[in-house]
Amino acid sequence: MALNNELLQILACPKCKGSLELLGQEEGLKCTACAVVYPIREEIPVMLIDEAVPVARWDQGVREV
């Protein structure tokens, strides 16, 4: 099941309140300003600052902090 487009439009980075970009096969939401990815687990975005994975680690395949 795909994430609802309306939900994606209203979601913002919890740290900087900036926009988010959907990655790949709905694996995560990337905040370019903060250089982190908020993972999507079981079709639910985990929008917790403590759960955000740095983009560099995400690109290496790390999906958890």
Protein backbone atom coordinates (compact mmCIF):
# COMPACT_ATOMS: atom_id res chain seq x y z
CA MET A 1 0.00 0.00 0.00
CA ALA A 2 1.43 3.36 -1.03
CA LEU A 3 1.71 6.33 1.28
CA ASN A 4 -1.14 8.77 0.82
CA ASN A 5 -0.12 11.78 -1.31
CA GLU A 6 -2.02 14.13 0.98
CA LEU A 7 -0.03 12.83 3.95
CA LEU A 8 3.25 13.33 2.08
CA GLN A 9 2.31 16.94 1.31
CA ILE A 10 1.74 17.87 4.95
CA LEU A 11 4.66 15.98 6.52
CA ALA A 12 7.65 18.11 7.47
CA CYS A 13 11.00 17.42 9.08
CA PRO A 14 10.45 17.46 12.86
CA LYS A 15 13.83 19.14 13.38
CA CYS A 16 13.87 21.99 10.83
CA LYS A 17 10.25 21.92 9.60
CA GLY A 18 11.55 21.64 6.03
CA SER A 19 10.16 19.58 3.19
CA LEU A 20 10.80 15.86 2.79
CA GLU A 21 11.55 13.74 -0.27
CA LEU A 22 10.25 10.18 -0.62
CA LEU A 23 13.08 7.74 -1.33
CA GLY A 24 13.12 4.60 -3.44
CA GLN A 25 10.38 2.09 -2.88
CA GLU A 26 8.95 4.13 0.01
CA GLU A 27 11.90 3.22 2.24
CA GLY A 28 12.35 6.62 3.86
CA LEU A 29 11.75 10.35 3.87
CA LYS A 30 14.83 12.48 3.28
CA CYS A 31 15.39 15.97 4.68
CA THR A 32 18.08 17.57 2.54
CA ALA A 33 18.54 20.52 4.93
CA CYS A 34 19.31 18.26 7.92
CA ALA A 35 21.00 15.52 5.82
CA VAL A 36 18.97 12.75 7.46
CA VAL A 37 16.44 10.12 6.42
CA TYR A 38 13.41 9.21 8.48
CA PRO A 39 12.76 5.50 7.88
CA ILE A 40 9.40 4.10 6.87
CA ARG A 41 8.63 0.89 8.76
CA GLU A 42 5.59 -1.22 7.96
CA GLU A 43 4.25 1.65 5.81
CA ILE A 44 4.47 4.12 8.73
CA PRO A 45 6.94 7.04 8.63
CA VAL A 46 9.00 7.14 11.83
CA MET A 47 9.18 10.89 12.34
CA LEU A 48 11.35 10.91 15.47
CA ILE A 49 14.56 12.92 15.48
CA ASP A 50 16.31 10.17 17.46
CA GLU A 51 15.39 7.60 14.78
CA ALA A 52 16.71 9.64 11.84
CA VAL A 53 19.59 8.06 9.94
CA PRO A 54 22.31 10.33 8.50
CA VAL A 55 22.17 10.36 4.69
CA ALA A 56 25.77 9.11 4.40
CA ARG A 57 24.93 6.02 6.49
CA TRP A 58 21.62 5.53 4.65
CA ASP A 59 23.50 5.50 1.33
CA GLN A 60 25.75 2.77 2.76
CA GLY A 61 22.70 0.60 3.48
CA VAL A 62 22.24 1.38 7.18
CA ARG A 63 18.51 1.66 7.88
CA GLU A 64 18.57 2.07 11.69
CA VAL A 65 20.45 4.32 14.10
